[in-house]
């Protein structure tokens, strides 16, 4: 059985920069996913779906961003 972190890391590996993932689930699940993908430097937006703002489900749009390490980042050899 996979946990959500493993699934998101695999999605990050496969998805190209500017690629989008759309997830529909309960607000508590989407809040956890939102926290994880923002830590992976994705842009996110949570919106209501067709049942309106009082529905327990929402939709999360997550877009993988293109980024490169800056000059301040160093690696040891």
N, C-alpha and C. Protein backbone atom coordinates (compact mmCIF):
# COMPACT_ATOMS: atom_id res chain seq x y z
N UNK A 1 0.84 -1.18 0.00
CA UNK A 1 0.00 0.00 0.00
C UNK A 1 0.89 1.25 0.00
N UNK A 2 0.57 2.21 -0.83
CA UNK A 2 1.34 3.45 -0.95
C UNK A 2 0.74 4.52 -0.04
N UNK A 3 1.61 5.39 0.46
CA UNK A 3 1.09 6.54 1.19
C UNK A 3 1.13 7.76 0.28
N UNK A 4 0.49 8.82 0.68
CA UNK A 4 0.33 9.99 -0.17
C UNK A 4 1.67 10.64 -0.53
N UNK A 5 2.64 10.60 0.38
CA UNK A 5 3.95 11.18 0.09
C UNK A 5 4.62 10.45 -1.07
N UNK A 6 4.55 9.12 -1.07
CA UNK A 6 5.14 8.33 -2.15
C UNK A 6 4.48 8.64 -3.49
N UNK A 7 3.17 8.76 -3.48
CA UNK A 7 2.44 9.06 -4.71
C UNK A 7 2.82 10.44 -5.24
N UNK A 8 2.87 11.44 -4.36
CA UNK A 8 3.22 12.79 -4.79
C UNK A 8 4.66 12.88 -5.28
N UNK A 9 5.57 12.18 -4.65
CA UNK A 9 6.95 12.18 -5.12
C UNK A 9 7.07 11.54 -6.50
N UNK A 10 6.32 10.49 -6.75
CA UNK A 10 6.33 9.86 -8.06
C UNK A 10 5.71 10.78 -9.11
N UNK A 11 4.65 11.48 -8.74
CA UNK A 11 4.04 12.45 -9.65
C UNK A 11 5.02 13.57 -9.97
N UNK A 12 5.77 14.02 -8.98
CA UNK A 12 6.76 15.06 -9.18
C UNK A 12 7.86 14.59 -10.12
N UNK A 13 8.23 13.34 -10.01
CA UNK A 13 9.27 12.77 -10.87
C UNK A 13 8.80 12.67 -12.32
N UNK A 14 7.55 12.28 -12.53
CA UNK A 14 7.03 12.03 -13.87
C UNK A 14 6.57 13.32 -14.57
N UNK A 15 5.94 14.20 -13.82
CA UNK A 15 5.32 15.39 -14.41
C UNK A 15 6.37 16.39 -14.86
N UNK A 16 6.18 16.95 -16.04
CA UNK A 16 7.07 17.98 -16.56
C UNK A 16 6.76 19.31 -15.88
N UNK A 17 7.74 20.24 -15.88
CA UNK A 17 7.45 21.58 -15.35
C UNK A 17 6.25 22.20 -16.07
N UNK A 18 5.45 22.91 -15.33
CA UNK A 18 4.20 23.53 -15.78
C UNK A 18 3.09 22.51 -15.98
N UNK A 19 3.34 21.24 -15.64
CA UNK A 19 2.30 20.23 -15.69
C UNK A 19 1.34 20.42 -14.53
N UNK A 20 0.08 20.04 -14.73
CA UNK A 20 -0.97 20.28 -13.74
C UNK A 20 -1.59 18.97 -13.28
N UNK A 21 -1.88 18.93 -11.98
CA UNK A 21 -2.60 17.81 -11.38
C UNK A 21 -3.88 18.38 -10.79
N UNK A 22 -5.00 17.71 -11.01
CA UNK A 22 -6.29 18.13 -10.46
C UNK A 22 -6.77 17.02 -9.54
N UNK A 23 -6.99 17.38 -8.26
CA UNK A 23 -7.40 16.39 -7.26
C UNK A 23 -8.71 16.85 -6.64
N UNK A 24 -9.67 15.93 -6.57
CA UNK A 24 -10.96 16.21 -5.94
C UNK A 24 -11.11 15.28 -4.75
N UNK A 25 -11.28 15.88 -3.56
CA UNK A 25 -11.39 15.06 -2.35
C UNK A 25 -11.94 15.92 -1.22
N UNK A 26 -11.98 15.31 -0.03
CA UNK A 26 -12.40 16.02 1.17
C UNK A 26 -11.39 17.12 1.51
N UNK A 27 -11.85 18.17 2.16
CA UNK A 27 -11.01 19.32 2.46
C UNK A 27 -9.80 18.93 3.31
N UNK A 28 -9.98 18.06 4.29
CA UNK A 28 -8.85 17.68 5.15
C UNK A 28 -7.76 16.96 4.37
N UNK A 29 -8.13 16.14 3.40
CA UNK A 29 -7.14 15.46 2.55
C UNK A 29 -6.43 16.47 1.66
N UNK A 30 -7.20 17.37 1.05
CA UNK A 30 -6.60 18.37 0.16
C UNK A 30 -5.70 19.33 0.91
N UNK A 31 -6.01 19.63 2.15
CA UNK A 31 -5.15 20.49 2.96
C UNK A 31 -3.79 19.82 3.18
N UNK A 32 -3.79 18.53 3.46
CA UNK A 32 -2.55 17.79 3.64
C UNK A 32 -1.77 17.74 2.32
N UNK A 33 -2.44 17.44 1.22
CA UNK A 33 -1.78 17.40 -0.09
C UNK A 33 -1.22 18.77 -0.44
N UNK A 34 -1.98 19.82 -0.19
CA UNK A 34 -1.55 21.18 -0.47
C UNK A 34 -0.25 21.50 0.27
N UNK A 35 -0.17 21.13 1.53
CA UNK A 35 1.04 21.38 2.33
C UNK A 35 2.24 20.64 1.74
N UNK A 36 2.03 19.41 1.33
CA UNK A 36 3.13 18.60 0.78
C UNK A 36 3.62 19.14 -0.56
N UNK A 37 2.70 19.44 -1.48
CA UNK A 37 3.13 19.88 -2.81
C UNK A 37 3.70 21.29 -2.78
N UNK A 38 3.25 22.14 -1.87
CA UNK A 38 3.88 23.46 -1.75
C UNK A 38 5.30 23.32 -1.24
N UNK A 39 5.56 22.31 -0.43
CA UNK A 39 6.93 22.01 0.00
C UNK A 39 7.80 21.53 -1.15
N UNK A 40 7.17 21.01 -2.19
CA UNK A 40 7.90 20.58 -3.39
C UNK A 40 7.96 21.70 -4.43
N UNK A 41 7.58 22.90 -4.02
CA UNK A 41 7.61 24.11 -4.84
C UNK A 41 6.61 24.09 -5.98
N UNK A 42 5.45 23.52 -5.74
CA UNK A 42 4.36 23.57 -6.70
C UNK A 42 3.46 24.73 -6.32
N UNK A 43 2.80 25.33 -7.30
CA UNK A 43 1.78 26.34 -7.05
C UNK A 43 0.45 25.63 -6.92
N UNK A 44 -0.40 26.10 -5.99
CA UNK A 44 -1.68 25.43 -5.77
C UNK A 44 -2.82 26.43 -5.68
N UNK A 45 -4.00 25.91 -5.93
CA UNK A 45 -5.22 26.69 -5.76
C UNK A 45 -6.35 25.73 -5.45
N UNK A 46 -7.07 25.98 -4.35
CA UNK A 46 -8.20 25.15 -3.97
C UNK A 46 -9.49 25.91 -4.29
N UNK A 47 -10.42 25.23 -4.96
CA UNK A 47 -11.68 25.87 -5.36
C UNK A 47 -12.85 24.95 -5.04
N UNK A 48 -14.05 25.55 -5.00
CA UNK A 48 -15.28 24.79 -4.84
C UNK A 48 -15.59 24.07 -6.15
N UNK A 49 -16.32 22.97 -6.05
CA UNK A 49 -16.75 22.31 -7.29
C UNK A 49 -18.23 22.62 -7.51
N UNK A 50 -18.86 21.94 -8.43
CA UNK A 50 -20.20 22.29 -8.88
C UNK A 50 -21.29 22.24 -7.80
N UNK A 51 -21.04 21.58 -6.67
CA UNK A 51 -22.05 21.51 -5.61
C UNK A 51 -22.03 22.73 -4.69
N UNK A 52 -21.12 23.66 -4.90
CA UNK A 52 -21.09 24.91 -4.15
C UNK A 52 -20.14 24.89 -2.96
N UNK A 53 -20.05 26.02 -2.27
CA UNK A 53 -19.08 26.19 -1.18
C UNK A 53 -19.39 25.39 0.09
N UNK A 54 -20.60 24.93 0.25
CA UNK A 54 -20.96 24.18 1.46
C UNK A 54 -20.71 22.68 1.32
N UNK A 55 -20.32 22.23 0.15
CA UNK A 55 -20.04 20.80 -0.06
C UNK A 55 -18.75 20.43 0.66
N UNK A 56 -18.67 19.21 1.22
CA UNK A 56 -17.46 18.80 1.95
C UNK A 56 -16.27 18.51 1.04
N UNK A 57 -16.50 18.40 -0.25
CA UNK A 57 -15.40 18.16 -1.20
C UNK A 57 -15.01 19.47 -1.88
N UNK A 58 -13.73 19.56 -2.22
CA UNK A 58 -13.20 20.70 -2.97
C UNK A 58 -12.32 20.14 -4.09
N UNK A 59 -11.81 21.04 -4.92
CA UNK A 59 -10.90 20.66 -6.00
C UNK A 59 -9.60 21.41 -5.79
N UNK A 60 -8.49 20.70 -5.88
CA UNK A 60 -7.16 21.29 -5.75
C UNK A 60 -6.46 21.21 -7.10
N UNK A 61 -6.04 22.37 -7.59
CA UNK A 61 -5.21 22.44 -8.80
C UNK A 61 -3.78 22.65 -8.32
N UNK A 62 -2.87 21.80 -8.75
CA UNK A 62 -1.46 21.91 -8.38
C UNK A 62 -0.62 21.92 -9.65
N UNK A 63 0.23 22.93 -9.80
CA UNK A 63 1.06 23.09 -10.99
C UNK A 63 2.52 22.98 -10.59
N UNK A 64 3.21 22.03 -11.20
CA UNK A 64 4.64 21.87 -10.93
C UNK A 64 5.39 23.03 -11.58
N UNK A 65 6.21 23.70 -10.80
CA UNK A 65 6.95 24.86 -11.29
C UNK A 65 8.33 24.45 -11.79
N UNK A 66 8.84 25.25 -12.70
CA UNK A 66 10.22 25.06 -13.18
C UNK A 66 11.12 25.90 -12.30
N UNK A 67 12.12 25.28 -11.71
CA UNK A 67 13.05 26.04 -10.88
C UNK A 67 14.43 25.40 -10.97
N UNK A 68 15.43 26.21 -10.75
CA UNK A 68 16.81 25.75 -10.71
C UNK A 68 17.45 26.26 -9.44
N UNK A 69 18.48 25.60 -9.01
CA UNK A 69 19.20 26.01 -7.80
C UNK A 69 19.93 27.32 -8.08
N UNK A 70 19.93 28.21 -7.10
CA UNK A 70 20.60 29.49 -7.23
C UNK A 70 22.07 29.39 -6.87
N UNK A 71 22.74 30.53 -6.95
CA UNK A 71 24.18 30.58 -6.64
C UNK A 71 24.45 30.29 -5.18
N UNK A 72 23.51 30.59 -4.32
CA UNK A 72 23.71 30.40 -2.87
C UNK A 72 23.66 28.93 -2.46
N UNK A 73 23.11 28.08 -3.31
CA UNK A 73 23.04 26.65 -3.00
C UNK A 73 24.34 25.99 -3.39
N UNK A 74 24.91 25.24 -2.47
CA UNK A 74 26.17 24.56 -2.75
C UNK A 74 26.03 23.09 -2.42
N UNK A 75 26.84 22.29 -3.06
CA UNK A 75 26.90 20.88 -2.74
C UNK A 75 28.34 20.54 -2.40
N UNK A 76 28.52 19.61 -1.52
CA UNK A 76 29.88 19.22 -1.16
C UNK A 76 30.33 18.07 -2.04
N UNK A 77 31.58 18.08 -2.41
CA UNK A 77 32.11 17.04 -3.28
C UNK A 77 32.88 16.02 -2.49
